Amino acid sequence: MKNGFVEGGLTSLQRGQKELSMKAIEKKYAKEIAAAEPHEKEKIYQRMAEELARQKSHKPSFGTLW
């Protein structure tokens, strides 16, 4: 197998990272979604989207680089 650059590799990496993050969030909220009424699920999904956005925009502090 050859190693090298792949066209669209960065996009694939970002898509994979988002998918892994979303799976972890879905697992975290699974029990809550299962027990929720249909009108409550929309609020739970909104919290899930907000948590994904927070994870995506997280910047490590300067001290973590050392």
PDB file of N, CA and C in Angstrom:
ATOM      1  N   MET A   1       0.847  -1.171   0.000  1.00  0.00           N
ATOM      2  CA  MET A   1       0.000   0.000   0.000  1.00  0.00           C
ATOM      3  C   MET A   1       0.892   1.234   0.000  1.00  0.00           C
ATOM      4  N   LYS A   2       0.552   2.170  -0.846  1.00  0.00           N
ATOM      5  CA  LYS A   2       1.305   3.417  -0.910  1.00  0.00           C
ATOM      6  C   LYS A   2       0.743   4.419   0.087  1.00  0.00           C
ATOM      7  N   ASN A   3       1.634   5.158   0.691  1.00  0.00           N
ATOM      8  CA  ASN A   3       1.221   6.264   1.534  1.00  0.00           C
ATOM      9  C   ASN A   3       1.351   7.540   0.719  1.00  0.00           C
ATOM     10  N   GLY A   4       0.457   8.455   0.932  1.00  0.00           N
ATOM     11  CA  GLY A   4       0.520   9.712   0.199  1.00  0.00           C
ATOM     12  C   GLY A   4      -0.682  10.569   0.508  1.00  0.00           C
ATOM     13  N   PHE A   5      -0.760  11.653  -0.225  1.00  0.00           N
ATOM     14  CA  PHE A   5      -1.876  12.568  -0.053  1.00  0.00           C
ATOM     15  C   PHE A   5      -3.105  12.037  -0.779  1.00  0.00           C
ATOM     16  N   VAL A   6      -4.242  12.279  -0.182  1.00  0.00           N
ATOM     17  CA  VAL A   6      -5.494  11.838  -0.758  1.00  0.00           C
ATOM     18  C   VAL A   6      -6.342  13.062  -1.052  1.00  0.00           C
ATOM     19  N   GLU A   7      -6.927  13.093  -2.215  1.00  0.00           N
ATOM     20  CA  GLU A   7      -7.790  14.221  -2.553  1.00  0.00           C
ATOM     21  C   GLU A   7      -9.006  14.212  -1.631  1.00  0.00           C
ATOM     22  N   GLY A   8      -9.279  15.346  -1.010  1.00  0.00           N
ATOM     23  CA  GLY A   8     -10.405  15.440  -0.091  1.00  0.00           C
ATOM     24  C   GLY A   8     -10.124  14.819   1.261  1.00  0.00           C
ATOM     25  N   GLY A   9      -8.867  14.587   1.572  1.00  0.00           N
ATOM     26  CA  GLY A   9      -8.504  13.933   2.825  1.00  0.00           C
ATOM     27  C   GLY A   9      -8.890  14.733   4.055  1.00  0.00           C
ATOM     28  N   LEU A  10      -8.670  16.051   4.014  1.00  0.00           N
ATOM     29  CA  LEU A  10      -9.012  16.899   5.152  1.00  0.00           C
ATOM     30  C   LEU A  10     -10.514  16.901   5.391  1.00  0.00           C
ATOM     31  N   THR A  11     -11.276  16.957   4.324  1.00  0.00           N
ATOM     32  CA  THR A  11     -12.736  16.929   4.452  1.00  0.00           C
ATOM     33  C   THR A  11     -13.197  15.607   5.051  1.00  0.00           C
ATOM     34  N   SER A  12     -12.596  14.519   4.606  1.00  0.00           N
ATOM     35  CA  SER A  12     -12.951  13.208   5.149  1.00  0.00           C
ATOM     36  C   SER A  12     -12.594  13.106   6.624  1.00  0.00           C
ATOM     37  N   LEU A  13     -11.440  13.638   6.989  1.00  0.00           N
ATOM     38  CA  LEU A  13     -11.022  13.634   8.391  1.00  0.00           C
ATOM     39  C   LEU A  13     -12.013  14.418   9.246  1.00  0.00           C
ATOM     40  N   GLN A  14     -12.374  15.610   8.802  1.00  0.00           N
ATOM     41  CA  GLN A  14     -13.303  16.441   9.570  1.00  0.00           C
ATOM     42  C   GLN A  14     -14.672  15.780   9.675  1.00  0.00           C
ATOM     43  N   ARG A  15     -15.137  15.164   8.606  1.00  0.00           N
ATOM     44  CA  ARG A  15     -16.429  14.482   8.627  1.00  0.00           C
ATOM     45  C   ARG A  15     -16.389  13.311   9.612  1.00  0.00           C
ATOM     46  N   GLY A  16     -15.285  12.564   9.611  1.00  0.00           N
ATOM     47  CA  GLY A  16     -15.139  11.443  10.532  1.00  0.00           C
ATOM     48  C   GLY A  16     -15.081  11.881  11.980  1.00  0.00           C
ATOM     49  N   GLN A  17     -14.364  12.973  12.247  1.00  0.00           N
ATOM     50  CA  GLN A  17     -14.294  13.482  13.612  1.00  0.00           C
ATOM     51  C   GLN A  17     -15.666  13.943  14.089  1.00  0.00           C
ATOM     52  N   LYS A  18     -16.421  14.604  13.214  1.00  0.00           N
ATOM     53  CA  LYS A  18     -17.760  15.069  13.581  1.00  0.00           C
ATOM     54  C   LYS A  18     -18.663  13.863  13.870  1.00  0.00           C
ATOM     55  N   GLU A  19     -18.539  12.826  13.046  1.00  0.00           N
ATOM     56  CA  GLU A  19     -19.363  11.636  13.246  1.00  0.00           C
ATOM     57  C   GLU A  19     -19.051  10.961  14.578  1.00  0.00           C
ATOM     58  N   LEU A  20     -17.764  10.855  14.915  1.00  0.00           N
ATOM     59  CA  LEU A  20     -17.393  10.262  16.197  1.00  0.00           C
ATOM     60  C   LEU A  20     -17.903  11.090  17.364  1.00  0.00           C
ATOM     61  N   SER A  21     -17.804  12.410  17.244  1.00  0.00           N
ATOM     62  CA  SER A  21     -18.301  13.290  18.304  1.00  0.00           C
ATOM     63  C   SER A  21     -19.813  13.144  18.453  1.00  0.00           C
ATOM     64  N   MET A  22     -20.511  13.086  17.320  1.00  0.00           N
ATOM     65  CA  MET A  22     -21.968  12.982  17.369  1.00  0.00           C
ATOM     66  C   MET A  22     -22.392  11.644  17.967  1.00  0.00           C
ATOM     67  N   LYS A  23     -21.675  10.573  17.654  1.00  0.00           N
ATOM     68  CA  LYS A  23     -22.008   9.267  18.238  1.00  0.00           C
ATOM     69  C   LYS A  23     -21.841   9.293  19.755  1.00  0.00           C
ATOM     70  N   ALA A  24     -20.786   9.941  20.229  1.00  0.00           N
ATOM     71  CA  ALA A  24     -20.556  10.035  21.673  1.00  0.00           C
ATOM     72  C   ALA A  24     -21.672  10.846  22.345  1.00  0.00           C
ATOM     73  N   ILE A  25     -22.088  11.918  21.700  1.00  0.00           N
ATOM     74  CA  ILE A  25     -23.160  12.752  22.254  1.00  0.00           C
ATOM     75  C   ILE A  25     -24.475  11.971  22.251  1.00  0.00           C
ATOM     76  N   GLU A  26     -24.757  11.266  21.157  1.00  0.00           N
ATOM     77  CA  GLU A  26     -25.988  10.467  21.092  1.00  0.00           C
ATOM     78  C   GLU A  26     -26.007   9.400  22.182  1.00  0.00           C
ATOM     79  N   LYS A  27     -24.873   8.794  22.429  1.00  0.00           N
ATOM     80  CA  LYS A  27     -24.785   7.770  23.479  1.00  0.00           C
ATOM     81  C   LYS A  27     -25.051   8.394  24.844  1.00  0.00           C
ATOM     82  N   LYS A  28     -24.531   9.597  25.059  1.00  0.00           N
ATOM     83  CA  LYS A  28     -24.706  10.299  26.333  1.00  0.00           C
ATOM     84  C   LYS A  28     -26.183  10.612  26.600  1.00  0.00           C
ATOM     85  N   TYR A  29     -26.913  10.986  25.550  1.00  0.00           N
ATOM     86  CA  TYR A  29     -28.308  11.406  25.699  1.00  0.00           C
ATOM     87  C   TYR A  29     -29.309  10.292  25.376  1.00  0.00           C
ATOM     88  N   ALA A  30     -28.868   9.085  25.101  1.00  0.00           N
ATOM     89  CA  ALA A  30     -29.754   8.005  24.653  1.00  0.00           C
ATOM     90  C   ALA A  30     -30.879   7.701  25.645  1.00  0.00           C
ATOM     91  N   LYS A  31     -30.548   7.572  26.908  1.00  0.00           N
ATOM     92  CA  LYS A  31     -31.575   7.257  27.908  1.00  0.00           C
ATOM     93  C   LYS A  31     -32.594   8.382  28.030  1.00  0.00           C
ATOM     94  N   GLU A  32     -32.089   9.612  27.984  1.00  0.00           N
ATOM     95  CA  GLU A  32     -32.972  10.775  28.108  1.00  0.00           C
ATOM     96  C   GLU A  32     -33.932  10.857  26.911  1.00  0.00           C
ATOM     97  N   ILE A  33     -33.430  10.565  25.716  1.00  0.00           N
ATOM     98  CA  ILE A  33     -34.280  10.586  24.520  1.00  0.00           C
ATOM     99  C   ILE A  33     -35.315   9.483  24.581  1.00  0.00           C
ATOM    100  N   ALA A  34     -34.914   8.301  25.031  1.00  0.00           N
ATOM    101  CA  ALA A  34     -35.834   7.171  25.105  1.00  0.00           C
ATOM    102  C   ALA A  34     -36.979   7.435  26.080  1.00  0.00           C
ATOM    103  N   ALA A  35     -36.703   8.145  27.158  1.00  0.00           N
ATOM    104  CA  ALA A  35     -37.714   8.400  28.178  1.00  0.00           C
ATOM    105  C   ALA A  35     -38.530   9.670  27.902  1.00  0.00           C
ATOM    106  N   ALA A  36     -38.114  10.462  26.932  1.00  0.00           N
ATOM    107  CA  ALA A  36     -38.766  11.758  26.690  1.00  0.00           C
ATOM    108  C   ALA A  36     -40.045  11.620  25.872  1.00  0.00           C
ATOM    109  N   GLU A  37     -40.934  12.540  26.114  1.00  0.00           N
ATOM    110  CA  GLU A  37     -42.151  12.654  25.315  1.00  0.00           C
ATOM    111  C   GLU A  37     -41.772  13.285  23.968  1.00  0.00           C
ATOM    112  N   PRO A  38     -42.594  13.087  22.946  1.00  0.00           N
ATOM    113  CA  PRO A  38     -42.260  13.638  21.625  1.00  0.00           C
ATOM    114  C   PRO A  38     -41.992  15.152  21.622  1.00  0.00           C
ATOM    115  N   HIS A  39     -42.729  15.914  22.413  1.00  0.00           N
ATOM    116  CA  HIS A  39     -42.523  17.367  22.423  1.00  0.00           C
ATOM    117  C   HIS A  39     -41.248  17.764  23.175  1.00  0.00           C
ATOM    118  N   GLU A  40     -40.720  16.881  24.011  1.00  0.00           N
ATOM    119  CA  GLU A  40     -39.484  17.160  24.752  1.00  0.00           C
ATOM    120  C   GLU A  40     -38.236  16.817  23.946  1.00  0.00           C
ATOM    121  N   LYS A  41     -38.372  15.943  22.969  1.00  0.00           N
ATOM    122  CA  LYS A  41     -37.226  15.485  22.193  1.00  0.00           C
ATOM    123  C   LYS A  41     -36.570  16.630  21.411  1.00  0.00           C
ATOM    124  N   GLU A  42     -37.361  17.568  20.938  1.00  0.00           N
ATOM    125  CA  GLU A  42     -36.810  18.697  20.190  1.00  0.00           C
ATOM    126  C   GLU A  42     -35.824  19.489  21.040  1.00  0.00           C
ATOM    127  N   LYS A  43     -36.151  19.695  22.309  1.00  0.00           N
ATOM    128  CA  LYS A  43     -35.257  20.410  23.215  1.00  0.00           C
ATOM    129  C   LYS A  43     -33.967  19.623  23.454  1.00  0.00           C
ATOM    130  N   ILE A  44     -34.083  18.312  23.567  1.00  0.00           N
ATOM    131  CA  ILE A  44     -32.913  17.468  23.789  1.00  0.00           C
ATOM    132  C   ILE A  44     -31.999  17.515  22.563  1.00  0.00           C
ATOM    133  N   TYR A  45     -32.589  17.426  21.380  1.00  0.00           N
ATOM    134  CA  TYR A  45     -31.787  17.492  20.152  1.00  0.00           C
ATOM    135  C   TYR A  45     -31.103  18.856  20.011  1.00  0.00           C
ATOM    136  N   GLN A  46     -31.766  19.909  20.455  1.00  0.00           N
ATOM    137  CA  GLN A  46     -31.161  21.240  20.423  1.00  0.00           C
ATOM    138  C   GLN A  46     -29.946  21.294  21.360  1.00  0.00           C
ATOM    139  N   ARG A  47     -30.080  20.713  22.557  1.00  0.00           N
ATOM    140  CA  ARG A  47     -28.939  20.662  23.487  1.00  0.00           C
ATOM    141  C   ARG A  47     -27.790  19.858  22.903  1.00  0.00           C
ATOM    142  N   MET A  48     -28.115  18.775  22.194  1.00  0.00           N
ATOM    143  CA  MET A  48     -27.087  17.969  21.559  1.00  0.00           C
ATOM    144  C   MET A  48     -26.342  18.779  20.502  1.00  0.00           C
ATOM    145  N   ALA A  49     -27.076  19.533  19.699  1.00  0.00           N
ATOM    146  CA  ALA A  49     -26.450  20.367  18.668  1.00  0.00           C
ATOM    147  C   ALA A  49     -25.569  21.447  19.296  1.00  0.00           C
ATOM    148  N   GLU A  50     -26.038  22.031  20.403  1.00  0.00           N
ATOM    149  CA  GLU A  50     -25.240  23.048  21.099  1.00  0.00           C
ATOM    150  C   GLU A  50     -23.952  22.446  21.665  1.00  0.00           C
ATOM    151  N   GLU A  51     -24.053  21.234  22.207  1.00  0.00           N
ATOM    152  CA  GLU A  51     -22.864  20.580  22.752  1.00  0.00           C
ATOM    153  C   GLU A  51     -21.856  20.271  21.643  1.00  0.00           C
ATOM    154  N   LEU A  52     -22.342  19.833  20.487  1.00  0.00           N
ATOM    155  CA  LEU A  52     -21.452  19.575  19.354  1.00  0.00           C
ATOM    156  C   LEU A  52     -20.768  20.867  18.908  1.00  0.00           C
ATOM    157  N   ALA A  53     -21.508  21.961  18.875  1.00  0.00           N
ATOM    158  CA  ALA A  53     -20.933  23.257  18.486  1.00  0.00           C
ATOM    159  C   ALA A  53     -19.873  23.707  19.496  1.00  0.00           C
ATOM    160  N   ARG A  54     -20.129  23.473  20.790  1.00  0.00           N
ATOM    161  CA  ARG A  54     -19.138  23.833  21.812  1.00  0.00           C
ATOM    162  C   ARG A  54     -17.862  23.019  21.644  1.00  0.00           C
ATOM    163  N   GLN A  55     -18.008  21.729  21.374  1.00  0.00           N
ATOM    164  CA  GLN A  55     -16.834  20.881  21.175  1.00  0.00           C
ATOM    165  C   GLN A  55     -16.049  21.318  19.941  1.00  0.00           C
ATOM    166  N   LYS A  56     -16.776  21.700  18.914  1.00  0.00           N
ATOM    167  CA  LYS A  56     -16.141  22.098  17.659  1.00  0.00           C
ATOM    168  C   LYS A  56     -15.370  23.409  17.815  1.00  0.00           C
ATOM    169  N   SER A  57     -15.886  24.327  18.614  1.00  0.00           N
ATOM    170  CA  SER A  57     -15.261  25.636  18.751  1.00  0.00           C
ATOM    171  C   SER A  57     -14.302  25.716  19.933  1.00  0.00           C
ATOM    172  N   HIS A  58     -14.067  24.607  20.606  1.00  0.00           N
ATOM    173  CA  HIS A  58     -13.185  24.601  21.769  1.00  0.00           C
ATOM    174  C   HIS A  58     -11.741  24.862  21.353  1.00  0.00           C
ATOM    175  N   LYS A  59     -11.111  25.795  22.009  1.00  0.00           N
ATOM    176  CA  LYS A  59      -9.701  26.102  21.779  1.00  0.00           C
ATOM    177  C   LYS A  59      -8.930  25.756  23.058  1.00  0.00           C
ATOM    178  N   PRO A  60      -7.879  24.959  22.949  1.00  0.00           N
ATOM    179  CA  PRO A  60      -7.108  24.626  24.148  1.00  0.00           C
ATOM    180  C   PRO A  60      -6.405  25.870  24.698  1.00  0.00           C
ATOM    181  N   SER A  61      -6.218  25.874  26.000  1.00  0.00           N
ATOM    182  CA  SER A  61      -5.535  27.016  26.616  1.00  0.00           C
ATOM    183  C   SER A  61      -4.050  26.987  26.259  1.00  0.00           C
ATOM    184  N   PHE A  62      -3.402  28.126  26.401  1.00  0.00           N
ATOM    185  CA  PHE A  62      -1.998  28.247  26.066  1.00  0.00           C
ATOM    186  C   PHE A  62      -1.138  27.303  26.895  1.00  0.00           C
ATOM    187  N   GLY A  63      -1.513  27.085  28.138  1.00  0.00           N
ATOM    188  CA  GLY A  63      -0.754  26.226  29.019  1.00  0.00           C
ATOM    189  C   GLY A  63      -0.724  24.766  28.602  1.00  0.00           C
ATOM    190  N   THR A  64      -1.692  24.310  27.801  1.00  0.00           N
ATOM    191  CA  THR A  64      -1.705  22.914  27.381  1.00  0.00           C
ATOM    192  C   THR A  64      -0.648  22.603  26.336  1.00  0.00           C
ATOM    193  N   LEU A  65      -0.057  23.616  25.760  1.00  0.00           N
ATOM    194  CA  LEU A  65       0.963  23.393  24.747  1.00  0.00           C
ATOM    195  C   LEU A  65       2.308  23.020  25.347  1.00  0.00           C
ATOM    196  N   TRP A  66       2.491  23.229  26.635  1.00  0.00           N
ATOM    197  CA  TRP A  66       3.785  22.952  27.243  1.00  0.00           C
ATOM    198  C   TRP A  66       3.825  21.616  27.874  1.00  0.00           C
TER     199      TRP A  66
END
